[in-house]
Amino acid sequence: AVTFLVIHQKPKKTLDEINNDLCPVLSVQQLYRISTMYWDDKYGTETVSQEVLTNMKQLMMEDTNR
């Protein structure tokens, strides 16, 4: 999770890159929570793209419907 928080260019990362390369042990729900709560105003680090957030929401909805 720390790697995810400190990397630059988060808006350019895909959900697959985040889920498989950066944080393979975290669930989509945990990644979503980190992505929506974290903002580094000191360095201006942004969160993931809106597309990734939407994909995370869809995956969480699918998991809920199972």
N, C-alpha and C. Protein backbone atom coordinates (compact mmCIF):
# COMPACT_ATOMS: atom_id res chain seq x y z
N ALA A 1 0.82 -1.19 0.00
CA ALA A 1 0.00 0.00 0.00
C ALA A 1 0.87 1.26 0.00
N VAL A 2 1.99 1.20 0.69
CA VAL A 2 2.87 2.36 0.74
C VAL A 2 3.39 2.69 -0.65
N THR A 3 3.75 1.69 -1.41
CA THR A 3 4.22 1.92 -2.77
C THR A 3 3.15 2.64 -3.58
N PHE A 4 1.92 2.22 -3.44
CA PHE A 4 0.82 2.86 -4.15
C PHE A 4 0.68 4.32 -3.75
N LEU A 5 0.79 4.59 -2.47
CA LEU A 5 0.61 5.96 -1.99
C LEU A 5 1.70 6.91 -2.49
N VAL A 6 2.91 6.43 -2.62
CA VAL A 6 4.01 7.33 -2.94
C VAL A 6 4.36 7.41 -4.42
N ILE A 7 3.80 6.55 -5.25
CA ILE A 7 4.16 6.61 -6.66
C ILE A 7 3.57 7.85 -7.31
N HIS A 8 4.29 8.35 -8.28
CA HIS A 8 3.81 9.47 -9.07
C HIS A 8 3.07 8.90 -10.27
N GLN A 9 2.36 9.72 -10.95
CA GLN A 9 1.64 9.32 -12.17
C GLN A 9 0.52 8.33 -11.88
N LYS A 10 -0.07 8.38 -10.69
CA LYS A 10 -1.20 7.49 -10.39
C LYS A 10 -2.33 7.63 -11.41
N PRO A 11 -2.62 8.83 -11.90
CA PRO A 11 -3.72 8.94 -12.88
C PRO A 11 -3.45 8.18 -14.17
N LYS A 12 -2.20 7.84 -14.44
CA LYS A 12 -1.86 7.11 -15.66
C LYS A 12 -1.84 5.60 -15.47
N LYS A 13 -1.96 5.14 -14.25
CA LYS A 13 -1.94 3.70 -13.97
C LYS A 13 -3.31 3.09 -14.24
N THR A 14 -3.31 1.90 -14.80
CA THR A 14 -4.55 1.17 -15.02
C THR A 14 -4.89 0.36 -13.77
N LEU A 15 -6.12 -0.10 -13.71
CA LEU A 15 -6.52 -0.93 -12.58
C LEU A 15 -5.70 -2.21 -12.54
N ASP A 16 -5.43 -2.79 -13.69
CA ASP A 16 -4.60 -4.01 -13.73
C ASP A 16 -3.20 -3.75 -13.18
N GLU A 17 -2.60 -2.64 -13.55
CA GLU A 17 -1.26 -2.31 -13.04
C GLU A 17 -1.29 -2.14 -11.53
N ILE A 18 -2.30 -1.46 -11.05
CA ILE A 18 -2.41 -1.23 -9.61
C ILE A 18 -2.66 -2.55 -8.88
N ASN A 19 -3.61 -3.29 -9.37
CA ASN A 19 -4.02 -4.53 -8.71
C ASN A 19 -2.97 -5.64 -8.80
N ASN A 20 -2.29 -5.75 -9.92
CA ASN A 20 -1.35 -6.86 -10.11
C ASN A 20 0.09 -6.51 -9.76
N ASP A 21 0.52 -5.30 -10.06
CA ASP A 21 1.93 -4.93 -9.88
C ASP A 21 2.21 -4.20 -8.57
N LEU A 22 1.34 -3.27 -8.22
CA LEU A 22 1.62 -2.42 -7.06
C LEU A 22 1.07 -2.97 -5.75
N CYS A 23 -0.14 -3.47 -5.79
CA CYS A 23 -0.81 -3.90 -4.55
C CYS A 23 -1.56 -5.21 -4.74
N PRO A 24 -0.87 -6.28 -5.04
CA PRO A 24 -1.58 -7.54 -5.31
C PRO A 24 -2.27 -8.15 -4.10
N VAL A 25 -1.90 -7.75 -2.90
CA VAL A 25 -2.52 -8.35 -1.71
C VAL A 25 -3.75 -7.59 -1.22
N LEU A 26 -3.98 -6.39 -1.76
CA LEU A 26 -5.14 -5.62 -1.32
C LEU A 26 -6.35 -5.93 -2.18
N SER A 27 -7.51 -5.90 -1.56
CA SER A 27 -8.76 -6.11 -2.31
C SER A 27 -9.10 -4.83 -3.08
N VAL A 28 -10.01 -4.97 -4.03
CA VAL A 28 -10.45 -3.80 -4.79
C VAL A 28 -11.10 -2.79 -3.85
N GLN A 29 -11.84 -3.28 -2.88
CA GLN A 29 -12.47 -2.37 -1.92
C GLN A 29 -11.43 -1.58 -1.14
N GLN A 30 -10.35 -2.22 -0.72
CA GLN A 30 -9.29 -1.52 0.00
C GLN A 30 -8.59 -0.51 -0.90
N LEU A 31 -8.33 -0.89 -2.15
CA LEU A 31 -7.72 0.04 -3.10
C LEU A 31 -8.62 1.24 -3.35
N TYR A 32 -9.90 1.00 -3.47
CA TYR A 32 -10.85 2.09 -3.70
C TYR A 32 -10.83 3.06 -2.52
N ARG A 33 -10.84 2.51 -1.34
CA ARG A 33 -10.84 3.37 -0.14
C ARG A 33 -9.58 4.23 -0.08
N ILE A 34 -8.44 3.61 -0.33
CA ILE A 34 -7.18 4.37 -0.34
C ILE A 34 -7.21 5.43 -1.43
N SER A 35 -7.70 5.05 -2.59
CA SER A 35 -7.72 5.97 -3.74
C SER A 35 -8.62 7.16 -3.51
N THR A 36 -9.71 6.97 -2.82
CA THR A 36 -10.66 8.07 -2.62
C THR A 36 -10.37 8.90 -1.38
N MET A 37 -9.56 8.40 -0.48
CA MET A 37 -9.28 9.14 0.75
C MET A 37 -7.94 9.86 0.73
N TYR A 38 -7.05 9.45 -0.13
CA TYR A 38 -5.68 9.95 -0.08
C TYR A 38 -5.47 11.13 -1.02
N TRP A 39 -4.85 12.16 -0.49
CA TRP A 39 -4.43 13.31 -1.29
C TRP A 39 -3.21 13.90 -0.60
N ASP A 40 -2.13 14.01 -1.32
CA ASP A 40 -0.90 14.56 -0.77
C ASP A 40 -0.77 16.01 -1.21
N ASP A 41 -1.22 16.91 -0.36
CA ASP A 41 -1.19 18.32 -0.73
C ASP A 41 0.21 18.91 -0.67
N LYS A 42 1.12 18.25 0.03
CA LYS A 42 2.49 18.76 0.09
C LYS A 42 3.17 18.64 -1.27
N TYR A 43 3.01 17.50 -1.91
CA TYR A 43 3.66 17.25 -3.19
C TYR A 43 2.69 17.28 -4.36
N GLY A 44 1.43 17.47 -4.09
CA GLY A 44 0.44 17.53 -5.14
C GLY A 44 0.19 16.20 -5.83
N THR A 45 0.45 15.11 -5.13
CA THR A 45 0.24 13.78 -5.70
C THR A 45 -1.26 13.54 -5.85
N GLU A 46 -1.66 13.20 -7.05
CA GLU A 46 -3.07 12.96 -7.33
C GLU A 46 -3.42 11.50 -7.12
N THR A 47 -4.70 11.23 -7.13
CA THR A 47 -5.16 9.86 -7.01
C THR A 47 -5.30 9.25 -8.41
N VAL A 48 -5.87 8.10 -8.49
CA VAL A 48 -6.03 7.41 -9.77
C VAL A 48 -7.06 8.13 -10.64
N SER A 49 -7.13 7.74 -11.90
CA SER A 49 -8.07 8.37 -12.83
C SER A 49 -9.51 8.02 -12.49
N GLN A 50 -10.42 8.83 -13.00
CA GLN A 50 -11.84 8.57 -12.80
C GLN A 50 -12.25 7.23 -13.42
N GLU A 51 -11.62 6.88 -14.52
CA GLU A 51 -11.90 5.59 -15.17
C GLU A 51 -11.56 4.43 -14.25
N VAL A 52 -10.43 4.51 -13.57
CA VAL A 52 -10.03 3.44 -12.64
C VAL A 52 -11.00 3.39 -11.46
N LEU A 53 -11.39 4.54 -10.94
CA LEU A 53 -12.34 4.56 -9.83
C LEU A 53 -13.67 3.93 -10.26
N THR A 54 -14.12 4.23 -11.46
CA THR A 54 -15.36 3.65 -11.97
C THR A 54 -15.23 2.14 -12.11
N ASN A 55 -14.10 1.68 -12.62
CA ASN A 55 -13.87 0.23 -12.74
C ASN A 55 -13.86 -0.45 -11.38
N MET A 56 -13.26 0.21 -10.40
CA MET A 56 -13.25 -0.34 -9.04
C MET A 56 -14.67 -0.47 -8.50
N LYS A 57 -15.48 0.57 -8.71
CA LYS A 57 -16.87 0.54 -8.25
C LYS A 57 -17.63 -0.61 -8.90
N GLN A 58 -17.42 -0.79 -10.20
CA GLN A 58 -18.11 -1.87 -10.91
C GLN A 58 -17.71 -3.24 -10.35
N LEU A 59 -16.43 -3.43 -10.10
CA LEU A 59 -15.97 -4.71 -9.54
C LEU A 59 -16.56 -4.94 -8.14
N MET A 60 -16.64 -3.89 -7.34
CA MET A 60 -17.21 -4.04 -6.01
C MET A 60 -18.70 -4.39 -6.09
N MET A 61 -19.40 -3.79 -7.05
CA MET A 61 -20.83 -4.10 -7.24
C MET A 61 -21.02 -5.55 -7.68
N GLU A 62 -20.15 -6.01 -8.58
CA GLU A 62 -20.22 -7.40 -9.04
C GLU A 62 -19.98 -8.36 -7.89
N ASP A 63 -19.00 -8.03 -7.03
CA ASP A 63 -18.73 -8.88 -5.87
C ASP A 63 -19.92 -8.92 -4.91
N THR A 64 -20.61 -7.81 -4.77
CA THR A 64 -21.76 -7.73 -3.88
C THR A 64 -22.92 -8.55 -4.42
N ASN A 65 -23.05 -8.58 -5.74
CA ASN A 65 -24.16 -9.31 -6.36
C ASN A 65 -23.94 -10.80 -6.47
N ARG A 66 -22.81 -11.29 -6.07
CA ARG A 66 -22.53 -12.74 -6.15
C ARG A 66 -23.07 -13.48 -4.97
